[in-house]
């Protein structure tokens, strides 16, 4: 398998995982639940609605304080 094909497959897998996480955050936000994210290397509890907002803005969890 070529390196290009491997990179394409890896990118497809990354996008699939991102969609799955987004879908789960939407479900949890509708239910008013919390999620655990990584902030500065530590687990941090936030509302799913907040995590969804951060994801949709393109932010990374570990850079928000």
N, C-alpha and C. Protein backbone atom coordinates (compact mmCIF):
# COMPACT_ATOMS: atom_id res chain seq x y z
N UNK A 1 0.84 -1.17 0.00
CA UNK A 1 0.00 0.00 0.00
C UNK A 1 0.89 1.24 0.00
N UNK A 2 0.54 2.21 -0.81
CA UNK A 2 1.37 3.40 -0.93
C UNK A 2 1.20 4.32 0.28
N UNK A 3 2.19 5.16 0.49
CA UNK A 3 2.14 6.11 1.60
C UNK A 3 0.97 7.07 1.42
N UNK A 4 0.71 7.47 0.18
CA UNK A 4 -0.40 8.38 -0.09
C UNK A 4 -1.73 7.75 0.32
N UNK A 5 -1.92 6.48 0.00
CA UNK A 5 -3.15 5.78 0.34
C UNK A 5 -3.30 5.67 1.86
N UNK A 6 -2.20 5.39 2.54
CA UNK A 6 -2.22 5.29 4.00
C UNK A 6 -2.61 6.64 4.61
N UNK A 7 -2.06 7.73 4.09
CA UNK A 7 -2.39 9.06 4.59
C UNK A 7 -3.86 9.40 4.33
N UNK A 8 -4.38 9.02 3.18
CA UNK A 8 -5.79 9.26 2.87
C UNK A 8 -6.69 8.48 3.83
N UNK A 9 -6.33 7.25 4.10
CA UNK A 9 -7.12 6.42 5.01
C UNK A 9 -7.07 6.98 6.44
N UNK A 10 -5.91 7.45 6.85
CA UNK A 10 -5.77 8.04 8.18
C UNK A 10 -6.61 9.30 8.31
N UNK A 11 -6.63 10.12 7.29
CA UNK A 11 -7.43 11.34 7.30
C UNK A 11 -8.93 11.00 7.33
N UNK A 12 -9.33 9.99 6.58
CA UNK A 12 -10.72 9.56 6.58
C UNK A 12 -11.12 9.06 7.97
N UNK A 13 -10.23 8.33 8.63
CA UNK A 13 -10.50 7.83 9.97
C UNK A 13 -10.61 8.99 10.96
N UNK A 14 -9.74 9.98 10.83
CA UNK A 14 -9.78 11.15 11.71
C UNK A 14 -11.10 11.89 11.57
N UNK A 15 -11.55 12.10 10.33
CA UNK A 15 -12.81 12.80 10.10
C UNK A 15 -14.00 11.99 10.63
N UNK A 16 -13.94 10.69 10.48
CA UNK A 16 -15.00 9.82 10.99
C UNK A 16 -15.08 9.93 12.51
N UNK A 17 -13.94 9.92 13.18
CA UNK A 17 -13.91 10.04 14.64
C UNK A 17 -14.43 11.42 15.06
N UNK A 18 -14.05 12.45 14.35
CA UNK A 18 -14.51 13.80 14.67
C UNK A 18 -16.04 13.90 14.55
N UNK A 19 -16.60 13.29 13.50
CA UNK A 19 -18.06 13.29 13.33
C UNK A 19 -18.74 12.52 14.46
N UNK A 20 -18.16 11.39 14.84
CA UNK A 20 -18.74 10.58 15.91
C UNK A 20 -18.74 11.34 17.24
N UNK A 21 -17.64 12.02 17.53
CA UNK A 21 -17.56 12.81 18.77
C UNK A 21 -18.58 13.94 18.72
N UNK A 22 -18.69 14.61 17.58
CA UNK A 22 -19.65 15.70 17.43
C UNK A 22 -21.07 15.19 17.67
N UNK A 23 -21.41 14.07 17.06
CA UNK A 23 -22.75 13.50 17.23
C UNK A 23 -23.03 13.17 18.69
N UNK A 24 -22.04 12.64 19.37
CA UNK A 24 -22.22 12.30 20.79
C UNK A 24 -22.36 13.56 21.64
N UNK A 25 -21.60 14.60 21.34
CA UNK A 25 -21.72 15.85 22.07
C UNK A 25 -23.11 16.47 21.87
N UNK A 26 -23.64 16.38 20.66
CA UNK A 26 -24.99 16.88 20.39
C UNK A 26 -26.01 16.15 21.26
N UNK A 27 -25.90 14.81 21.31
CA UNK A 27 -26.83 14.02 22.13
C UNK A 27 -26.75 14.43 23.60
N UNK A 28 -25.51 14.50 24.11
CA UNK A 28 -25.33 14.83 25.52
C UNK A 28 -25.78 16.25 25.84
N UNK A 29 -25.55 17.19 24.91
CA UNK A 29 -25.99 18.57 25.11
C UNK A 29 -27.51 18.64 25.19
N UNK A 30 -28.20 17.89 24.34
CA UNK A 30 -29.67 17.87 24.37
C UNK A 30 -30.20 17.31 25.68
N UNK A 31 -29.46 16.38 26.27
CA UNK A 31 -29.85 15.77 27.54
C UNK A 31 -29.37 16.57 28.75
N UNK A 32 -28.58 17.62 28.52
CA UNK A 32 -28.07 18.44 29.61
C UNK A 32 -26.96 17.77 30.41
N UNK A 33 -26.23 16.88 29.78
CA UNK A 33 -25.18 16.14 30.47
C UNK A 33 -23.83 16.85 30.39
N UNK A 34 -22.90 16.38 31.20
CA UNK A 34 -21.53 16.89 31.22
C UNK A 34 -20.61 15.91 30.51
N UNK A 35 -19.43 16.39 30.14
CA UNK A 35 -18.40 15.54 29.55
C UNK A 35 -17.07 15.88 30.22
N UNK A 36 -16.15 14.95 30.11
CA UNK A 36 -14.80 15.16 30.65
C UNK A 36 -13.88 15.44 29.47
N UNK A 37 -13.15 16.56 29.55
CA UNK A 37 -12.21 16.93 28.50
C UNK A 37 -10.83 17.12 29.11
N UNK A 38 -9.85 17.32 28.26
CA UNK A 38 -8.47 17.54 28.69
C UNK A 38 -8.17 19.03 28.65
N UNK A 39 -7.83 19.58 29.79
CA UNK A 39 -7.39 20.98 29.87
C UNK A 39 -6.05 21.01 30.56
N UNK A 40 -5.05 21.43 29.82
CA UNK A 40 -3.69 21.54 30.35
C UNK A 40 -3.22 20.23 30.97
N UNK A 41 -3.56 19.12 30.32
CA UNK A 41 -3.10 17.82 30.77
C UNK A 41 -3.90 17.23 31.91
N UNK A 42 -4.97 17.88 32.33
CA UNK A 42 -5.77 17.42 33.44
C UNK A 42 -7.21 17.18 32.99
N UNK A 43 -7.88 16.16 33.55
CA UNK A 43 -9.29 15.96 33.22
C UNK A 43 -10.12 17.11 33.79
N UNK A 44 -11.10 17.56 33.03
CA UNK A 44 -11.90 18.71 33.42
C UNK A 44 -13.34 18.46 33.00
N UNK A 45 -14.28 18.68 33.91
CA UNK A 45 -15.69 18.44 33.65
C UNK A 45 -16.35 19.74 33.16
N UNK A 46 -16.97 19.69 31.98
CA UNK A 46 -17.71 20.83 31.43
C UNK A 46 -19.04 20.31 30.89
N UNK A 47 -19.95 21.24 30.66
CA UNK A 47 -21.22 20.82 30.06
C UNK A 47 -20.96 20.40 28.61
N UNK A 48 -21.76 19.48 28.14
CA UNK A 48 -21.63 19.04 26.76
C UNK A 48 -21.89 20.19 25.81
N UNK A 49 -22.78 21.11 26.19
CA UNK A 49 -23.07 22.27 25.35
C UNK A 49 -21.82 23.14 25.18
N UNK A 50 -21.05 23.31 26.26
CA UNK A 50 -19.81 24.10 26.19
C UNK A 50 -18.77 23.38 25.33
N UNK A 51 -18.64 22.07 25.51
CA UNK A 51 -17.68 21.30 24.71
C UNK A 51 -18.07 21.35 23.22
N UNK A 52 -19.36 21.29 22.95
CA UNK A 52 -19.84 21.37 21.57
C UNK A 52 -19.52 22.73 20.97
N UNK A 53 -19.72 23.79 21.75
CA UNK A 53 -19.41 25.14 21.28
C UNK A 53 -17.93 25.27 20.95
N UNK A 54 -17.08 24.73 21.82
CA UNK A 54 -15.64 24.79 21.59
C UNK A 54 -15.28 24.03 20.32
N UNK A 55 -15.86 22.84 20.14
CA UNK A 55 -15.57 22.04 18.96
C UNK A 55 -16.02 22.76 17.69
N UNK A 56 -17.22 23.33 17.71
CA UNK A 56 -17.74 23.99 16.52
C UNK A 56 -16.97 25.25 16.16
N UNK A 57 -16.36 25.90 17.15
CA UNK A 57 -15.52 27.07 16.89
C UNK A 57 -14.14 26.67 16.38
N UNK A 58 -13.87 25.38 16.40
CA UNK A 58 -12.58 24.90 15.93
C UNK A 58 -11.50 24.94 16.97
N UNK A 59 -11.87 25.23 18.22
CA UNK A 59 -10.91 25.28 19.29
C UNK A 59 -10.47 23.90 19.75
N UNK A 60 -9.36 23.87 20.40
CA UNK A 60 -8.84 22.62 20.97
C UNK A 60 -9.08 22.68 22.47
N UNK A 61 -9.52 21.58 23.03
CA UNK A 61 -9.85 21.55 24.45
C UNK A 61 -8.68 21.90 25.34
N UNK A 62 -7.50 21.40 25.00
CA UNK A 62 -6.37 21.60 25.90
C UNK A 62 -5.83 23.01 25.91
N UNK A 63 -6.28 23.89 24.99
CA UNK A 63 -5.77 25.24 24.98
C UNK A 63 -6.70 26.24 25.66
N UNK A 64 -7.91 25.83 25.99
CA UNK A 64 -8.84 26.72 26.66
C UNK A 64 -8.60 26.66 28.16
N UNK A 65 -8.70 27.83 28.83
CA UNK A 65 -8.53 27.85 30.29
C UNK A 65 -9.71 28.52 30.93
